[in-house]
Amino acid sequence: MPKAKRYPLPKRFNAALSEKAYANLRLLNDRWHLGNNYLLVVLLENLDRVTDPEELDAVYREFIAEYGAPAKPETES
């Protein structure tokens, strides 16, 4: 049986998750055994395949309505 290839993950960052988001991540990990980093990579790289763009926009609008959004950073000229 051929050895599995490692998918390179060159970008690293810390991310804070809500309890609900982390619970969903743990459920995915229990099912697929990929680890949090790989699960997030697969999800984000395929976001357009696994979500309805209009529904996703509605979810973001609801979140911003409840919690607000940070100010856009000024661009340097």
Protein backbone atom coordinates (compact mmCIF):
# COMPACT_ATOMS: atom_id res chain seq x y z
CA MET A 1 0.00 0.00 0.00
CA PRO A 2 1.52 3.38 -0.98
CA LYS A 3 2.36 5.81 1.77
CA ALA A 4 -0.01 8.79 2.07
CA LYS A 5 1.36 12.14 0.94
CA ARG A 6 1.51 15.06 3.36
CA TYR A 7 -0.34 18.18 2.27
CA PRO A 8 1.92 21.19 2.94
CA LEU A 9 0.51 23.88 5.24
CA PRO A 10 2.95 26.80 5.02
CA LYS A 11 0.69 29.49 6.54
CA ARG A 12 0.24 29.46 10.30
CA PHE A 13 -1.97 31.61 12.49
CA ASN A 14 -3.85 31.38 15.75
CA ALA A 15 -7.62 31.39 15.53
CA ALA A 16 -10.14 31.75 18.31
CA LEU A 17 -13.36 29.75 17.94
CA SER A 18 -16.70 29.90 19.65
CA GLU A 19 -17.75 26.83 21.62
CA LYS A 20 -20.25 25.93 18.85
CA ALA A 21 -17.62 26.28 16.10
CA TYR A 22 -15.11 24.20 18.05
CA ALA A 23 -17.74 21.54 18.75
CA ASN A 24 -18.42 21.31 14.99
CA LEU A 25 -14.70 21.05 14.32
CA ARG A 26 -14.40 18.21 16.86
CA LEU A 27 -17.33 16.40 15.22
CA LEU A 28 -15.62 16.67 11.83
CA ASN A 29 -12.37 15.43 13.38
CA ASP A 30 -14.18 12.46 14.94
CA ARG A 31 -15.58 11.57 11.52
CA TRP A 32 -12.58 12.22 9.25
CA HIS A 33 -9.54 12.10 11.59
CA LEU A 34 -7.75 14.84 9.66
CA GLY A 35 -6.90 17.25 12.48
CA ASN A 36 -8.10 20.81 12.88
CA ASN A 37 -5.67 22.37 10.41
CA TYR A 38 -6.52 20.02 7.55
CA LEU A 39 -10.25 20.21 8.26
CA LEU A 40 -10.16 24.01 8.04
CA VAL A 41 -8.05 23.90 4.86
CA VAL A 42 -10.49 21.55 3.15
CA LEU A 43 -13.47 23.61 4.26
CA LEU A 44 -12.05 27.00 3.27
CA GLU A 45 -10.53 25.84 -0.03
CA ASN A 46 -13.90 24.37 -1.02
CA LEU A 47 -16.19 26.96 0.54
CA ASP A 48 -17.93 27.71 -2.76
CA ARG A 49 -18.69 24.00 -3.21
CA VAL A 50 -20.10 23.41 0.29
CA THR A 51 -22.12 26.59 0.81
CA ASP A 52 -24.83 28.54 -0.91
CA PRO A 53 -23.26 31.98 -1.53
CA GLU A 54 -26.52 33.82 -0.89
CA GLU A 55 -27.11 31.97 2.37
CA LEU A 56 -23.51 32.62 3.43
CA ASP A 57 -23.99 36.34 2.72
CA ALA A 58 -27.14 36.31 4.85
CA VAL A 59 -25.27 34.62 7.71
CA TYR A 60 -22.50 37.26 7.56
CA ARG A 61 -25.07 40.08 7.51
CA GLU A 62 -26.82 38.59 10.57
CA PHE A 63 -23.51 38.26 12.41
CA ILE A 64 -22.52 41.86 11.62
CA ALA A 65 -25.96 43.11 12.67
CA GLU A 66 -25.56 41.45 16.06
CA TYR A 67 -21.83 41.90 16.75
CA GLY A 68 -20.69 44.64 14.37
CA ALA A 69 -17.65 44.52 12.16
CA PRO A 70 -14.16 45.98 12.60
CA ALA A 71 -13.36 49.13 10.70
CA LYS A 72 -11.71 48.60 7.33
CA PRO A 73 -7.98 49.28 7.49
CA GLU A 74 -6.81 52.39 5.69
CA THR A 75 -4.84 51.69 2.53
CA GLU A 76 -1.48 53.32 2.01
CA SER A 77 -1.14 55.49 -1.07
